[in-house]
N, C-alpha and C. Protein backbone atom coordinates (compact mmCIF):
# COMPACT_ATOMS: atom_id res chain seq x y z
N MET A 1 64.76 -14.51 11.43
CA MET A 1 63.87 -13.61 12.14
C MET A 1 62.46 -14.19 12.17
N ASP A 2 61.81 -14.03 13.31
CA ASP A 2 60.45 -14.52 13.49
C ASP A 2 59.48 -13.65 12.69
N PRO A 3 58.69 -14.27 11.80
CA PRO A 3 57.76 -13.49 10.97
C PRO A 3 56.78 -12.66 11.80
N ALA A 4 56.48 -13.11 13.02
CA ALA A 4 55.54 -12.37 13.85
C ALA A 4 56.09 -11.00 14.25
N GLU A 5 57.40 -10.86 14.24
CA GLU A 5 58.03 -9.60 14.61
C GLU A 5 58.05 -8.59 13.45
N LEU A 6 57.76 -9.06 12.25
CA LEU A 6 57.76 -8.18 11.08
C LEU A 6 56.46 -7.37 11.02
N PRO A 7 56.53 -6.18 10.44
CA PRO A 7 55.28 -5.44 10.20
C PRO A 7 54.41 -6.24 9.22
N PRO A 8 53.09 -6.08 9.28
CA PRO A 8 52.18 -6.88 8.44
C PRO A 8 52.55 -6.89 6.95
N ASP A 9 52.90 -5.74 6.39
CA ASP A 9 53.25 -5.70 4.96
C ASP A 9 54.50 -6.52 4.67
N GLU A 10 55.50 -6.40 5.53
CA GLU A 10 56.74 -7.17 5.37
C GLU A 10 56.48 -8.67 5.53
N ARG A 11 55.63 -9.00 6.48
CA ARG A 11 55.29 -10.40 6.74
C ARG A 11 54.63 -11.01 5.52
N ARG A 12 53.65 -10.31 4.93
CA ARG A 12 52.98 -10.81 3.72
C ARG A 12 53.95 -10.93 2.56
N LYS A 13 54.83 -9.96 2.43
CA LYS A 13 55.82 -9.97 1.35
C LYS A 13 56.76 -11.17 1.49
N LYS A 14 57.22 -11.42 2.71
CA LYS A 14 58.14 -12.54 2.96
C LYS A 14 57.45 -13.88 2.69
N ALA A 15 56.19 -14.00 3.12
CA ALA A 15 55.41 -15.23 2.89
C ALA A 15 55.22 -15.45 1.39
N LYS A 16 54.96 -14.38 0.68
CA LYS A 16 54.78 -14.45 -0.78
C LYS A 16 56.07 -14.92 -1.45
N GLU A 17 57.19 -14.38 -1.03
CA GLU A 17 58.50 -14.80 -1.58
C GLU A 17 58.73 -16.29 -1.37
N ILE A 18 58.42 -16.76 -0.17
CA ILE A 18 58.60 -18.19 0.13
C ILE A 18 57.74 -19.04 -0.80
N CYS A 19 56.50 -18.66 -0.95
CA CYS A 19 55.59 -19.42 -1.82
C CYS A 19 56.06 -19.37 -3.28
N PHE A 20 56.46 -18.21 -3.75
CA PHE A 20 56.93 -18.10 -5.13
C PHE A 20 58.19 -18.93 -5.35
N ASP A 21 59.09 -18.93 -4.38
CA ASP A 21 60.30 -19.75 -4.49
C ASP A 21 59.95 -21.23 -4.60
N LEU A 22 59.00 -21.68 -3.79
CA LEU A 22 58.58 -23.08 -3.83
C LEU A 22 57.89 -23.41 -5.16
N LEU A 23 57.04 -22.49 -5.62
CA LEU A 23 56.32 -22.72 -6.87
C LEU A 23 57.23 -22.64 -8.09
N ALA A 24 58.36 -21.95 -7.96
CA ALA A 24 59.30 -21.86 -9.08
C ALA A 24 59.98 -23.20 -9.32
N VAL A 25 60.10 -24.01 -8.28
CA VAL A 25 60.74 -25.32 -8.39
C VAL A 25 59.80 -26.33 -9.04
N ARG A 26 58.55 -26.39 -8.54
CA ARG A 26 57.53 -27.28 -9.09
C ARG A 26 56.16 -26.84 -8.56
N ALA A 27 55.12 -27.36 -9.19
CA ALA A 27 53.77 -27.07 -8.72
C ALA A 27 53.61 -27.62 -7.30
N ARG A 28 52.81 -26.97 -6.51
CA ARG A 28 52.57 -27.37 -5.12
C ARG A 28 51.08 -27.39 -4.84
N THR A 29 50.71 -28.16 -3.83
CA THR A 29 49.32 -28.13 -3.37
C THR A 29 49.18 -27.00 -2.35
N LYS A 30 47.96 -26.64 -2.10
CA LYS A 30 47.69 -25.61 -1.09
C LYS A 30 48.24 -26.05 0.27
N ASP A 31 48.05 -27.33 0.56
CA ASP A 31 48.51 -27.85 1.85
C ASP A 31 50.04 -27.82 1.96
N GLU A 32 50.74 -28.10 0.87
CA GLU A 32 52.20 -28.03 0.91
C GLU A 32 52.67 -26.61 1.22
N LEU A 33 52.04 -25.63 0.59
CA LEU A 33 52.40 -24.23 0.86
C LEU A 33 52.04 -23.85 2.30
N ARG A 34 50.87 -24.30 2.73
CA ARG A 34 50.42 -24.02 4.09
C ARG A 34 51.43 -24.58 5.11
N GLN A 35 51.86 -25.82 4.90
CA GLN A 35 52.82 -26.45 5.81
C GLN A 35 54.17 -25.75 5.78
N ALA A 36 54.63 -25.35 4.60
CA ALA A 36 55.90 -24.64 4.48
C ALA A 36 55.87 -23.32 5.24
N LEU A 37 54.78 -22.60 5.09
CA LEU A 37 54.65 -21.32 5.80
C LEU A 37 54.56 -21.54 7.31
N LYS A 38 53.87 -22.58 7.70
CA LYS A 38 53.76 -22.90 9.13
C LYS A 38 55.14 -23.22 9.72
N ARG A 39 55.93 -24.02 8.97
CA ARG A 39 57.29 -24.37 9.43
C ARG A 39 58.16 -23.13 9.58
N LYS A 40 57.92 -22.12 8.73
CA LYS A 40 58.71 -20.89 8.78
C LYS A 40 58.19 -19.92 9.85
N GLY A 41 57.09 -20.30 10.52
CA GLY A 41 56.60 -19.49 11.62
C GLY A 41 55.53 -18.47 11.27
N PHE A 42 54.93 -18.59 10.10
CA PHE A 42 53.88 -17.65 9.72
C PHE A 42 52.56 -18.05 10.36
N ASP A 43 51.78 -17.04 10.73
CA ASP A 43 50.49 -17.30 11.35
C ASP A 43 49.49 -17.79 10.31
N GLU A 44 48.44 -18.42 10.81
CA GLU A 44 47.43 -19.03 9.93
C GLU A 44 46.73 -17.99 9.05
N GLU A 45 46.45 -16.83 9.62
CA GLU A 45 45.74 -15.79 8.86
C GLU A 45 46.56 -15.34 7.64
N THR A 46 47.84 -15.08 7.85
CA THR A 46 48.72 -14.67 6.74
C THR A 46 48.77 -15.76 5.68
N SER A 47 48.95 -17.01 6.14
CA SER A 47 49.03 -18.14 5.21
C SER A 47 47.76 -18.30 4.39
N GLU A 48 46.62 -18.31 5.07
CA GLU A 48 45.35 -18.55 4.37
C GLU A 48 45.01 -17.42 3.41
N THR A 49 45.30 -16.20 3.79
CA THR A 49 45.04 -15.06 2.91
C THR A 49 45.88 -15.17 1.65
N LEU A 50 47.16 -15.45 1.83
CA LEU A 50 48.07 -15.57 0.69
C LEU A 50 47.69 -16.75 -0.21
N ILE A 51 47.42 -17.88 0.38
CA ILE A 51 47.07 -19.07 -0.41
C ILE A 51 45.76 -18.83 -1.17
N GLY A 52 44.83 -18.12 -0.55
CA GLY A 52 43.59 -17.75 -1.24
C GLY A 52 43.86 -16.88 -2.46
N LYS A 53 44.76 -15.92 -2.31
CA LYS A 53 45.11 -15.06 -3.44
C LYS A 53 45.83 -15.84 -4.53
N LEU A 54 46.71 -16.75 -4.15
CA LEU A 54 47.42 -17.57 -5.14
C LEU A 54 46.44 -18.48 -5.89
N ASP A 55 45.45 -18.96 -5.16
CA ASP A 55 44.41 -19.80 -5.77
C ASP A 55 43.59 -18.99 -6.77
N GLU A 56 43.17 -17.81 -6.36
CA GLU A 56 42.38 -16.93 -7.24
C GLU A 56 43.16 -16.56 -8.50
N ALA A 57 44.47 -16.39 -8.36
CA ALA A 57 45.32 -16.02 -9.49
C ALA A 57 45.64 -17.24 -10.38
N GLY A 58 45.23 -18.43 -9.94
CA GLY A 58 45.48 -19.63 -10.73
C GLY A 58 46.89 -20.19 -10.57
N LEU A 59 47.60 -19.73 -9.56
CA LEU A 59 48.97 -20.21 -9.34
C LEU A 59 49.02 -21.49 -8.51
N VAL A 60 47.94 -21.76 -7.80
CA VAL A 60 47.83 -22.99 -7.01
C VAL A 60 46.49 -23.62 -7.35
N ASN A 61 46.52 -24.84 -7.83
CA ASN A 61 45.30 -25.54 -8.19
C ASN A 61 45.52 -27.02 -7.89
N ASP A 62 44.90 -27.50 -6.84
CA ASP A 62 45.12 -28.88 -6.42
C ASP A 62 44.69 -29.90 -7.47
N ALA A 63 43.64 -29.62 -8.21
CA ALA A 63 43.17 -30.57 -9.24
C ALA A 63 44.20 -30.67 -10.37
N GLU A 64 44.71 -29.53 -10.83
CA GLU A 64 45.74 -29.55 -11.87
C GLU A 64 47.01 -30.22 -11.36
N PHE A 65 47.38 -29.91 -10.12
CA PHE A 65 48.56 -30.52 -9.52
C PHE A 65 48.41 -32.04 -9.52
N ALA A 66 47.25 -32.52 -9.05
CA ALA A 66 47.00 -33.96 -8.96
C ALA A 66 47.09 -34.63 -10.33
N GLU A 67 46.53 -33.99 -11.32
CA GLU A 67 46.56 -34.52 -12.69
C GLU A 67 48.00 -34.65 -13.20
N LEU A 68 48.77 -33.59 -13.03
CA LEU A 68 50.17 -33.61 -13.46
C LEU A 68 50.98 -34.62 -12.67
N TRP A 69 50.74 -34.68 -11.38
CA TRP A 69 51.47 -35.59 -10.51
C TRP A 69 51.22 -37.04 -10.93
N VAL A 70 49.97 -37.38 -11.17
CA VAL A 70 49.61 -38.74 -11.57
C VAL A 70 50.29 -39.10 -12.89
N ARG A 71 50.18 -38.21 -13.86
CA ARG A 71 50.78 -38.48 -15.16
C ARG A 71 52.29 -38.70 -15.04
N SER A 72 52.94 -37.81 -14.33
CA SER A 72 54.39 -37.87 -14.19
C SER A 72 54.84 -39.09 -13.40
N ARG A 73 54.25 -39.33 -12.26
CA ARG A 73 54.70 -40.43 -11.39
C ARG A 73 54.36 -41.80 -11.98
N HIS A 74 53.28 -41.89 -12.74
CA HIS A 74 52.94 -43.16 -13.38
C HIS A 74 53.93 -43.44 -14.53
N ALA A 75 54.19 -42.42 -15.33
CA ALA A 75 55.09 -42.60 -16.47
C ALA A 75 56.54 -42.77 -16.04
N ASN A 76 57.00 -41.93 -15.12
CA ASN A 76 58.43 -41.93 -14.78
C ASN A 76 58.82 -42.89 -13.66
N GLN A 77 57.95 -43.06 -12.68
CA GLN A 77 58.27 -43.94 -11.55
C GLN A 77 57.54 -45.28 -11.64
N GLY A 78 56.57 -45.38 -12.54
CA GLY A 78 55.83 -46.63 -12.70
C GLY A 78 54.87 -46.91 -11.56
N LEU A 79 54.41 -45.88 -10.88
CA LEU A 79 53.52 -46.09 -9.75
C LEU A 79 52.11 -46.44 -10.21
N ALA A 80 51.48 -47.33 -9.46
CA ALA A 80 50.11 -47.75 -9.73
C ALA A 80 49.14 -46.80 -9.03
N ARG A 81 47.86 -46.97 -9.33
CA ARG A 81 46.83 -46.09 -8.76
C ARG A 81 46.89 -46.00 -7.24
N ASN A 82 47.03 -47.15 -6.58
CA ASN A 82 47.04 -47.14 -5.10
C ASN A 82 48.17 -46.28 -4.55
N ALA A 83 49.35 -46.42 -5.11
CA ALA A 83 50.50 -45.63 -4.65
C ALA A 83 50.29 -44.15 -4.97
N LEU A 84 49.73 -43.87 -6.13
CA LEU A 84 49.47 -42.48 -6.52
C LEU A 84 48.46 -41.83 -5.57
N LEU A 85 47.41 -42.56 -5.23
CA LEU A 85 46.42 -42.04 -4.29
C LEU A 85 47.06 -41.73 -2.95
N ALA A 86 47.89 -42.64 -2.47
CA ALA A 86 48.55 -42.43 -1.18
C ALA A 86 49.44 -41.19 -1.22
N GLU A 87 50.19 -41.02 -2.30
CA GLU A 87 51.05 -39.84 -2.43
C GLU A 87 50.24 -38.54 -2.45
N LEU A 88 49.17 -38.55 -3.21
CA LEU A 88 48.35 -37.34 -3.30
C LEU A 88 47.73 -36.98 -1.95
N LYS A 89 47.31 -37.98 -1.22
CA LYS A 89 46.74 -37.73 0.11
C LYS A 89 47.80 -37.18 1.06
N ARG A 90 49.03 -37.71 0.96
CA ARG A 90 50.12 -37.19 1.80
C ARG A 90 50.44 -35.74 1.44
N LYS A 91 50.18 -35.36 0.21
CA LYS A 91 50.45 -33.99 -0.22
C LYS A 91 49.28 -33.06 0.09
N GLY A 92 48.24 -33.61 0.72
CA GLY A 92 47.12 -32.77 1.15
C GLY A 92 46.05 -32.55 0.10
N VAL A 93 46.05 -33.35 -0.96
CA VAL A 93 45.02 -33.23 -2.00
C VAL A 93 43.73 -33.86 -1.48
N ASP A 94 42.63 -33.19 -1.68
CA ASP A 94 41.32 -33.68 -1.28
C ASP A 94 41.08 -35.08 -1.86
N GLY A 95 40.43 -35.95 -1.08
CA GLY A 95 40.20 -37.33 -1.48
C GLY A 95 39.50 -37.49 -2.82
N GLU A 96 38.45 -36.71 -3.06
CA GLU A 96 37.72 -36.81 -4.33
C GLU A 96 38.59 -36.40 -5.51
N ILE A 97 39.35 -35.34 -5.32
CA ILE A 97 40.25 -34.86 -6.39
C ILE A 97 41.31 -35.92 -6.67
N ALA A 98 41.84 -36.52 -5.60
CA ALA A 98 42.87 -37.55 -5.75
C ALA A 98 42.33 -38.76 -6.51
N VAL A 99 41.14 -39.20 -6.15
CA VAL A 99 40.52 -40.36 -6.82
C VAL A 99 40.28 -40.06 -8.29
N GLN A 100 39.78 -38.87 -8.58
CA GLN A 100 39.53 -38.48 -9.97
C GLN A 100 40.83 -38.46 -10.77
N ALA A 101 41.89 -37.89 -10.21
CA ALA A 101 43.17 -37.81 -10.91
C ALA A 101 43.77 -39.19 -11.12
N ALA A 102 43.74 -40.02 -10.09
CA ALA A 102 44.30 -41.37 -10.19
C ALA A 102 43.48 -42.23 -11.15
N GLY A 103 42.22 -41.88 -11.33
CA GLY A 103 41.36 -42.61 -12.26
C GLY A 103 41.82 -42.50 -13.71
N GLU A 104 42.69 -41.53 -13.99
CA GLU A 104 43.25 -41.41 -15.34
C GLU A 104 44.07 -42.64 -15.72
N VAL A 105 44.61 -43.30 -14.71
CA VAL A 105 45.38 -44.51 -14.95
C VAL A 105 44.40 -45.67 -14.90
N ASP A 106 43.97 -46.14 -16.06
CA ASP A 106 43.01 -47.24 -16.08
C ASP A 106 43.74 -48.58 -15.93
N ARG A 107 42.98 -49.63 -15.80
CA ARG A 107 43.53 -50.99 -15.58
C ARG A 107 44.50 -51.37 -16.70
N GLU A 108 44.14 -51.02 -17.91
CA GLU A 108 44.98 -51.37 -19.07
C GLU A 108 46.34 -50.66 -19.00
N ALA A 109 46.32 -49.37 -18.70
CA ALA A 109 47.57 -48.60 -18.59
C ALA A 109 48.40 -49.11 -17.42
N GLU A 110 47.74 -49.47 -16.34
CA GLU A 110 48.44 -49.99 -15.17
C GLU A 110 49.11 -51.32 -15.50
N GLU A 111 48.39 -52.18 -16.20
CA GLU A 111 48.94 -53.49 -16.56
C GLU A 111 50.12 -53.33 -17.52
N GLU A 112 50.00 -52.46 -18.50
CA GLU A 112 51.08 -52.26 -19.47
C GLU A 112 52.33 -51.72 -18.78
N ARG A 113 52.15 -50.79 -17.86
CA ARG A 113 53.30 -50.22 -17.14
C ARG A 113 53.94 -51.28 -16.25
N ALA A 114 53.12 -52.14 -15.63
CA ALA A 114 53.65 -53.24 -14.80
C ALA A 114 54.49 -54.19 -15.66
N ARG A 115 54.02 -54.47 -16.87
CA ARG A 115 54.78 -55.35 -17.78
C ARG A 115 56.13 -54.73 -18.13
N GLU A 116 56.12 -53.43 -18.44
CA GLU A 116 57.37 -52.75 -18.76
C GLU A 116 58.35 -52.83 -17.59
N LEU A 117 57.83 -52.61 -16.40
CA LEU A 117 58.69 -52.65 -15.20
C LEU A 117 59.26 -54.05 -14.98
N VAL A 118 58.43 -55.07 -15.15
CA VAL A 118 58.88 -56.44 -14.95
C VAL A 118 59.93 -56.82 -15.99
N ARG A 119 59.69 -56.47 -17.25
CA ARG A 119 60.68 -56.77 -18.30
C ARG A 119 62.02 -56.12 -17.99
N LYS A 120 61.97 -54.88 -17.61
CA LYS A 120 63.19 -54.14 -17.30
C LYS A 120 63.91 -54.77 -16.10
N ARG A 121 63.15 -55.09 -15.07
CA ARG A 121 63.74 -55.67 -13.85
C ARG A 121 64.29 -57.07 -14.11
N MET A 122 63.64 -57.86 -14.98
CA MET A 122 64.10 -59.22 -15.26
C MET A 122 65.49 -59.23 -15.87
N ARG A 123 65.80 -58.20 -16.65
CA ARG A 123 67.14 -58.13 -17.26
C ARG A 123 68.24 -58.02 -16.20
N SER A 124 67.90 -57.42 -15.08
CA SER A 124 68.91 -57.22 -14.04
C SER A 124 68.94 -58.37 -13.03
N LEU A 125 68.05 -59.34 -13.16
CA LEU A 125 68.04 -60.45 -12.21
C LEU A 125 69.12 -61.49 -12.50
N GLY A 126 69.59 -61.53 -13.72
CA GLY A 126 70.69 -62.44 -14.07
C GLY A 126 70.34 -63.89 -13.85
N ASN A 127 71.20 -64.58 -13.11
CA ASN A 127 71.04 -66.03 -12.91
C ASN A 127 70.34 -66.38 -11.61
N VAL A 128 69.42 -65.56 -11.19
CA VAL A 128 68.66 -65.82 -9.97
C VAL A 128 67.66 -66.92 -10.26
N ASP A 129 67.48 -67.85 -9.30
CA ASP A 129 66.52 -68.93 -9.54
C ASP A 129 65.10 -68.37 -9.62
N GLU A 130 64.22 -69.17 -10.20
CA GLU A 130 62.87 -68.70 -10.49
C GLU A 130 62.12 -68.26 -9.24
N GLN A 131 62.24 -69.01 -8.17
CA GLN A 131 61.53 -68.66 -6.94
C GLN A 131 61.98 -67.29 -6.41
N ALA A 132 63.27 -67.06 -6.41
CA ALA A 132 63.80 -65.77 -5.94
C ALA A 132 63.37 -64.65 -6.88
N ALA A 133 63.39 -64.93 -8.18
CA ALA A 133 62.98 -63.92 -9.17
C ALA A 133 61.52 -63.52 -8.95
N ILE A 134 60.66 -64.52 -8.75
CA ILE A 134 59.24 -64.25 -8.53
C ILE A 134 59.06 -63.42 -7.26
N ARG A 135 59.73 -63.82 -6.20
CA ARG A 135 59.62 -63.11 -4.92
C ARG A 135 60.07 -61.64 -5.07
N ARG A 136 61.18 -61.46 -5.74
CA ARG A 136 61.70 -60.10 -5.94
C ARG A 136 60.77 -59.26 -6.81
N LEU A 137 60.26 -59.86 -7.88
CA LEU A 137 59.36 -59.13 -8.77
C LEU A 137 58.05 -58.77 -8.09
N LEU A 138 57.52 -59.71 -7.29
CA LEU A 138 56.29 -59.43 -6.55
C LEU A 138 56.50 -58.28 -5.56
N GLY A 139 57.61 -58.31 -4.86
CA GLY A 139 57.92 -57.24 -3.91
C GLY A 139 58.10 -55.91 -4.60
N PHE A 140 58.78 -55.95 -5.73
CA PHE A 140 59.01 -54.74 -6.52
C PHE A 140 57.69 -54.10 -6.94
N LEU A 141 56.79 -54.91 -7.51
CA LEU A 141 55.50 -54.36 -7.95
C LEU A 141 54.63 -53.94 -6.76
N ALA A 142 54.72 -54.67 -5.66
CA ALA A 142 53.94 -54.29 -4.47
C ALA A 142 54.38 -52.91 -3.97
N ARG A 143 55.68 -52.66 -3.96
CA ARG A 143 56.18 -51.35 -3.51
C ARG A 143 55.74 -50.23 -4.43
N LYS A 144 55.45 -50.56 -5.68
CA LYS A 144 54.96 -49.55 -6.64
C LYS A 144 53.43 -49.41 -6.57
N GLY A 145 52.79 -50.22 -5.70
CA GLY A 145 51.35 -50.08 -5.49
C GLY A 145 50.47 -50.95 -6.37
N TYR A 146 51.04 -51.93 -7.06
CA TYR A 146 50.24 -52.77 -7.95
C TYR A 146 49.48 -53.82 -7.15
N PRO A 147 48.20 -54.05 -7.50
CA PRO A 147 47.41 -55.07 -6.81
C PRO A 147 48.04 -56.45 -7.00
N GLN A 148 47.91 -57.29 -6.00
CA GLN A 148 48.56 -58.60 -6.01
C GLN A 148 48.13 -59.46 -7.20
N GLY A 149 46.85 -59.50 -7.50
CA GLY A 149 46.36 -60.32 -8.61
C GLY A 149 46.97 -59.90 -9.94
N LEU A 150 47.02 -58.60 -10.18
CA LEU A 150 47.62 -58.07 -11.40
C LEU A 150 49.11 -58.41 -11.44
N ALA A 151 49.79 -58.27 -10.31
CA ALA A 151 51.22 -58.57 -10.24
C ALA A 151 51.48 -60.04 -10.58
N TYR A 152 50.72 -60.95 -9.98
CA TYR A 152 50.88 -62.38 -10.27
C TYR A 152 50.70 -62.66 -11.75
N THR A 153 49.62 -62.14 -12.31
CA THR A 153 49.32 -62.39 -13.72
C THR A 153 50.43 -61.88 -14.63
N VAL A 154 50.84 -60.65 -14.42
CA VAL A 154 51.88 -60.04 -15.25
C VAL A 154 53.19 -60.80 -15.12
N ILE A 155 53.58 -61.12 -13.90
CA ILE A 155 54.86 -61.82 -13.70
C ILE A 155 54.82 -63.21 -14.33
N ARG A 156 53.72 -63.92 -14.13
CA ARG A 156 53.60 -65.25 -14.73
C ARG A 156 53.74 -65.17 -16.25
N GLU A 157 53.01 -64.26 -16.87
CA GLU A 157 53.04 -64.14 -18.33
C GLU A 157 54.40 -63.67 -18.82
N GLU A 158 55.01 -62.74 -18.14
CA GLU A 158 56.31 -62.22 -18.57
C GLU A 158 57.42 -63.24 -18.36
N LEU A 159 57.35 -64.02 -17.30
CA LEU A 159 58.35 -65.08 -17.10
C LEU A 159 58.23 -66.13 -18.19
N ARG A 160 57.01 -66.47 -18.55
CA ARG A 160 56.81 -67.44 -19.65
C ARG A 160 57.38 -66.88 -20.95
N GLU A 161 57.11 -65.61 -21.19
CA GLU A 161 57.62 -64.95 -22.39
C GLU A 161 59.14 -64.94 -22.39
N PHE A 162 59.70 -64.78 -21.22
CA PHE A 162 61.16 -64.73 -21.03
C PHE A 162 61.77 -66.13 -21.16
N GLY A 163 60.92 -67.16 -21.06
CA GLY A 163 61.41 -68.52 -21.22
C GLY A 163 61.46 -69.31 -19.93
N ALA A 164 61.02 -68.74 -18.84
CA ALA A 164 61.01 -69.45 -17.56
C ALA A 164 59.72 -70.25 -17.45
N GLU A 165 59.69 -71.15 -16.52
CA GLU A 165 58.52 -72.01 -16.34
C GLU A 165 57.34 -71.26 -15.73
N ALA A 166 57.57 -70.53 -14.68
CA ALA A 166 56.54 -69.80 -13.95
C ALA A 166 55.43 -70.70 -13.45
N ALA A 167 55.74 -71.99 -13.30
CA ALA A 167 54.73 -72.95 -12.85
C ALA A 167 54.30 -72.66 -11.42
N MET A 168 55.19 -72.09 -10.64
CA MET A 168 54.86 -71.79 -9.25
C MET A 168 53.66 -70.86 -9.14
N LEU A 169 53.48 -70.01 -10.11
CA LEU A 169 52.39 -69.03 -10.03
C LEU A 169 51.09 -69.57 -10.61
N ASP A 170 51.14 -70.72 -11.29
CA ASP A 170 49.92 -71.26 -11.90
C ASP A 170 48.84 -71.56 -10.88
N ASP A 171 49.24 -72.12 -9.73
CA ASP A 171 48.27 -72.45 -8.69
C ASP A 171 47.94 -71.27 -7.81
N ALA A 172 48.79 -70.26 -7.84
CA ALA A 172 48.64 -69.11 -6.95
C ALA A 172 47.48 -68.20 -7.34
N ILE A 173 47.16 -68.16 -8.61
CA ILE A 173 46.14 -67.22 -9.07
C ILE A 173 45.18 -67.89 -10.03
N PRO A 174 43.92 -67.57 -9.85
CA PRO A 174 42.97 -68.05 -10.85
C PRO A 174 43.11 -67.23 -12.13
N ASP A 175 42.94 -67.86 -13.26
CA ASP A 175 43.02 -67.14 -14.55
C ASP A 175 41.84 -66.27 -14.78
C-alpha cells in the first residue's frame, strides 16, 4: 500500500516501524534511514520529522555510527582509512565526521593490519612465483584501500621475513 494513502497517524506509525526494524539489525545513518523511507514511498516531511525525533532520542547518531563502523571494518575486514572514508561517505556520513572517525586508524595501526593481512594471504599463495605473489598482494591491499607506498614496504618486508627475495620491490620504493 502506498504510504500517501494512509492517514497521517498511520503513515508516521508505519515509517517508525520501518526505521525500528532497520535499527534492530544494526546502527544506521540518518541518510540510510532517509533513503529506506524514500524507497518505501514516504514523503520527505514524514521522513525528516521521524529522523529528527530519532536523532533527539539518541537512536540515530552519525558520529557514533561512523566510530563503530571504522572500528569494526578496520578490525574485521582490514580496511584502510581511504576505504573507510569512502564507505562512510557512501552511507551519507558528513565529510568532517567521516574524516574524524577514520582518523582513529593511525598510520601505525594501518601498517600493522596490512602486515597481518599480508601474512595471512601469503599462506594461501602456495607455490606461486615471487612476481605473481607481489602482484596479487599489491592488488589485495589496494582493494582494501592501503596507500601504494605502505603496501610496497609491508610486502617487501613480509616477503623477506617469509624467506623470499623481494628484490623486485627494492627499486620500486625509496626506503
